[in-house]
Amino acid sequence: MAAVSETGVFDESALVAKARQGDADAFNQLVTRYERKIFRLARHITQSDEDAEDVLQETFLKAFEHLPDFQGQSKFYTWIVRIAVNEALMKLRKRKTDKSVPLDEPVDTGEDTVTREIAVWEENPEQKFSREELGGILNEAIESLRPAFRTVFVLRDIEELSTEETADALGISIPAVKSRLLRARLELREKLTRFFKRKGDDVFAYL
């Protein structure tokens, strides 16, 4: 049975404490809680189901191995996200196909004040594209982002981590997270706009 607090909320800290004491069942509960999210994150970064499975396995193996080193200064989920991101980026480096800027390279944050968001579609696009088609179009656009931008976008806008948690997970500054998220959103807007224009639609008509 999963650990819950007196208020009925999932108690991550209690499970982590038990797992650090050698309770395998507690660690298994943490794995069950987060494995789908970690797989989804790994899949977005590596763009490969097989690699994502490998990342998932390595993430929790390393988490288990280094659990005594986890000091609880961040959430357990944030900690394993950091491990998963590192493992996923290692997969990309091994392929030798990624020529983009690494996550730890400084990023110009001069555009942080820009507030444009990606397009939000209402009724008209829904009439022309099914939810599945729109989902596929968006996923393809996300996967075409450079890893540094894609990872931040996935953590913030898909996994819904806070800016602070994302910065902690990636080991970068909060301004860098904001800058990369902004650039990811703007790139997605541009890519999606080009797609709909090719289809004869004007995405800006739906904003």
Protein backbone atom coordinates (compact mmCIF):
# COMPACT_ATOMS: atom_id res chain seq x y z
CA MET A 1 0.00 0.00 0.00
CA ALA A 2 1.36 3.42 -0.93
CA ALA A 3 2.33 5.69 1.93
CA VAL A 4 -0.13 8.49 2.57
CA SER A 5 -0.17 11.25 5.14
CA GLU A 6 -2.92 11.76 7.71
CA THR A 7 -4.67 14.02 5.20
CA GLY A 8 -4.69 11.25 2.59
CA VAL A 9 -1.96 12.86 0.44
CA PHE A 10 0.82 10.75 -1.06
CA ASP A 11 3.71 11.02 1.40
CA GLU A 12 6.88 11.00 -0.67
CA SER A 13 9.18 11.94 2.20
CA ALA A 14 7.97 9.03 4.34
CA LEU A 15 8.62 6.57 1.52
CA VAL A 16 12.06 8.02 0.87
CA ALA A 17 12.93 7.75 4.56
CA LYS A 18 11.86 4.09 4.61
CA ALA A 19 13.70 3.36 1.36
CA ARG A 20 16.90 4.87 2.78
CA GLN A 21 16.55 2.45 5.68
CA GLY A 22 16.54 -0.46 3.27
CA ASP A 23 12.79 -0.90 2.75
CA ALA A 24 12.62 -2.29 -0.79
CA ASP A 25 8.83 -2.07 -0.90
CA ALA A 26 8.97 1.65 -0.16
CA PHE A 27 11.40 2.17 -3.04
CA ASN A 28 9.21 0.08 -5.33
CA GLN A 29 6.30 2.36 -4.47
CA LEU A 30 8.37 5.37 -5.51
CA VAL A 31 9.24 3.62 -8.77
CA THR A 32 5.58 2.84 -9.43
CA ARG A 33 4.66 6.44 -8.65
CA TYR A 34 7.11 8.02 -11.07
CA GLU A 35 8.14 5.48 -13.71
CA ARG A 36 5.62 6.64 -16.33
CA LYS A 37 6.70 10.26 -15.94
CA ILE A 38 10.38 9.37 -16.17
CA PHE A 39 9.77 7.23 -19.26
CA ARG A 40 7.80 10.04 -20.91
CA LEU A 41 10.55 12.53 -20.12
CA ALA A 42 13.23 10.16 -21.46
CA ARG A 43 11.17 9.51 -24.59
CA HIS A 44 10.88 13.22 -25.31
CA ILE A 45 14.63 13.72 -24.96
CA THR A 46 15.89 10.61 -26.75
CA GLN A 47 13.02 10.27 -29.23
CA SER A 48 13.36 6.51 -28.91
CA ASP A 49 11.23 4.04 -26.96
CA GLU A 50 14.16 1.65 -26.63
CA ASP A 51 16.49 4.34 -25.31
CA ALA A 52 13.77 5.64 -23.01
CA GLU A 53 13.41 2.17 -21.50
CA ASP A 54 17.16 2.05 -20.93
CA VAL A 55 17.10 5.49 -19.34
CA LEU A 56 14.22 4.45 -17.10
CA GLN A 57 16.10 1.40 -15.87
CA GLU A 58 19.37 3.24 -15.35
CA THR A 59 17.65 6.11 -13.57
CA PHE A 60 16.09 3.96 -10.89
CA LEU A 61 19.14 1.71 -10.57
CA LYS A 62 21.32 4.75 -9.93
CA ALA A 63 18.71 6.27 -7.64
CA PHE A 64 18.65 3.09 -5.57
CA GLU A 65 22.44 2.89 -5.53
CA HIS A 66 22.88 6.51 -4.46
CA LEU A 67 19.84 6.78 -2.21
CA PRO A 68 22.05 7.15 0.90
CA ASP A 69 23.51 10.28 -0.73
CA PHE A 70 20.08 11.88 -1.19
CA GLN A 71 19.92 14.62 1.46
CA GLY A 72 16.34 15.71 0.87
CA GLN A 73 17.29 19.25 -0.10
CA SER A 74 15.00 18.90 -3.11
CA LYS A 75 12.04 16.67 -3.85
CA PHE A 76 12.84 13.05 -4.62
CA TYR A 77 11.13 13.46 -8.00
CA THR A 78 13.33 16.45 -8.84
CA TRP A 79 16.37 14.38 -7.90
CA ILE A 80 15.46 11.45 -10.16
CA VAL A 81 14.57 13.85 -12.98
CA ARG A 82 18.14 15.14 -12.77
CA ILE A 83 19.45 11.58 -13.03
CA ALA A 84 17.11 10.80 -15.95
CA VAL A 85 18.09 13.93 -17.87
CA ASN A 86 21.78 13.08 -17.49
CA GLU A 87 21.19 9.51 -18.66
CA ALA A 88 19.10 10.64 -21.63
CA LEU A 89 21.70 13.19 -22.72
CA MET A 90 24.39 10.52 -22.46
CA LYS A 91 22.32 8.44 -24.89
CA LEU A 92 22.26 11.34 -27.33
CA ARG A 93 26.00 11.90 -27.03
CA LYS A 94 26.68 8.23 -27.70
CA ARG A 95 24.72 8.46 -30.92
CA LYS A 96 26.96 11.36 -31.94
CA THR A 97 24.07 12.93 -33.80
CA ASP A 98 23.34 15.83 -31.48
CA LYS A 99 25.22 18.96 -32.55
CA SER A 100 23.33 21.39 -30.32
CA VAL A 101 24.47 23.36 -27.30
CA PRO A 102 24.82 21.26 -24.12
CA LEU A 103 22.51 21.98 -21.20
CA ASP A 104 25.24 23.47 -19.03
CA GLU A 105 26.40 26.05 -21.56
CA PRO A 106 25.57 29.65 -20.56
CA VAL A 107 22.52 31.07 -22.33
CA ASP A 108 21.81 34.71 -23.07
CA THR A 109 18.79 35.69 -20.98
CA GLY A 110 18.17 39.07 -22.53
CA GLU A 111 14.77 38.01 -23.86
CA ASP A 112 13.29 36.97 -20.52
CA THR A 113 10.80 39.83 -20.50
CA VAL A 114 9.11 38.65 -23.70
CA THR A 115 5.77 37.07 -22.86
CA ARG A 116 4.61 35.54 -26.14
CA GLU A 117 3.25 32.01 -25.79
CA ILE A 118 2.70 29.20 -28.27
CA ALA A 119 -0.55 29.21 -30.17
CA VAL A 120 -3.72 28.16 -28.37
CA TRP A 121 -6.29 26.65 -30.72
CA GLU A 122 -10.01 26.87 -30.11
CA GLU A 123 -12.91 25.47 -32.14
CA ASN A 124 -11.82 25.98 -35.75
CA PRO A 125 -8.70 23.76 -35.79
CA GLU A 126 -10.61 21.09 -33.87
CA GLN A 127 -13.03 20.97 -36.78
CA LYS A 128 -10.20 20.25 -39.23
CA PHE A 129 -7.94 18.07 -37.13
CA SER A 130 -8.79 15.38 -34.63
CA ARG A 131 -7.33 15.54 -31.14
CA GLU A 132 -5.03 12.68 -32.09
CA GLU A 133 -3.78 14.51 -35.16
CA LEU A 134 -3.17 17.70 -33.21
CA GLY A 135 -1.37 15.72 -30.53
CA GLY A 136 0.85 14.10 -33.12
CA ILE A 137 1.60 17.44 -34.76
CA LEU A 138 2.56 18.98 -31.41
CA ASN A 139 4.69 15.99 -30.39
CA GLU A 140 6.57 16.13 -33.69
CA ALA A 141 7.20 19.84 -33.19
CA ILE A 142 8.44 19.27 -29.62
CA GLU A 143 10.77 16.48 -30.72
CA SER A 144 12.30 18.75 -33.37
CA LEU A 145 13.48 21.21 -30.69
CA ARG A 146 17.13 21.16 -29.69
CA PRO A 147 17.63 19.02 -26.57
CA ALA A 148 18.49 21.97 -24.31
CA PHE A 149 15.20 23.67 -25.17
CA ARG A 150 13.15 20.49 -25.46
CA THR A 151 14.13 19.31 -21.98
CA VAL A 152 13.14 22.57 -20.31
CA PHE A 153 9.86 22.69 -22.22
CA VAL A 154 8.98 19.11 -21.23
CA LEU A 155 9.79 19.68 -17.57
CA ARG A 156 7.92 23.00 -17.30
CA ASP A 157 4.98 22.71 -19.69
CA ILE A 158 4.36 18.96 -19.80
CA GLU A 159 5.56 17.63 -16.44
CA GLU A 160 4.56 20.94 -14.83
CA LEU A 161 7.61 21.35 -12.62
CA SER A 162 8.10 24.85 -11.25
CA THR A 163 10.84 27.07 -12.63
CA GLU A 164 12.82 26.52 -9.45
CA GLU A 165 12.42 22.72 -9.61
CA THR A 166 13.44 22.69 -13.27
CA ALA A 167 16.53 24.74 -12.52
CA ASP A 168 17.40 22.39 -9.67
CA ALA A 169 16.85 19.29 -11.78
CA LEU A 170 19.02 20.54 -14.62
CA GLY A 171 21.66 22.28 -12.52
CA ILE A 172 21.19 25.61 -14.28
CA SER A 173 20.06 29.06 -13.15
CA ILE A 174 16.44 30.20 -12.96
CA PRO A 175 17.07 32.92 -15.63
CA ALA A 176 18.50 30.22 -17.93
CA VAL A 177 15.35 28.12 -17.45
CA LYS A 178 13.17 31.11 -18.30
CA SER A 179 15.22 31.95 -21.37
CA ARG A 180 15.24 28.39 -22.71
CA LEU A 181 11.53 27.97 -22.05
CA LEU A 182 10.81 31.20 -23.88
CA ARG A 183 12.90 30.16 -26.86
CA ALA A 184 11.31 26.72 -26.92
CA ARG A 185 7.83 28.25 -26.96
CA LEU A 186 8.75 30.70 -29.69
CA GLU A 187 10.31 27.95 -31.82
CA LEU A 188 7.20 25.82 -31.35
CA ARG A 189 4.99 28.72 -32.35
CA GLU A 190 7.05 29.24 -35.50
CA LYS A 191 7.07 25.54 -36.40
CA LEU A 192 3.33 25.13 -35.84
CA THR A 193 2.57 28.30 -37.75
CA ARG A 194 4.56 27.03 -40.75
CA PHE A 195 2.76 23.68 -40.56
CA PHE A 196 -0.72 25.20 -40.66
CA LYS A 197 0.23 27.61 -43.41
CA ARG A 198 1.36 24.63 -45.51
CA LYS A 199 -2.05 23.10 -44.87
CA GLY A 200 -3.72 26.28 -46.07
CA ASP A 201 -4.68 27.46 -42.60
CA ASP A 202 -3.71 30.64 -40.80
CA VAL A 203 -2.80 29.75 -37.25
CA PHE A 204 -2.99 33.37 -36.20
CA ALA A 205 -6.70 33.35 -36.97
CA TYR A 206 -7.14 31.03 -34.02
CA LEU A 207 -5.22 33.08 -31.44
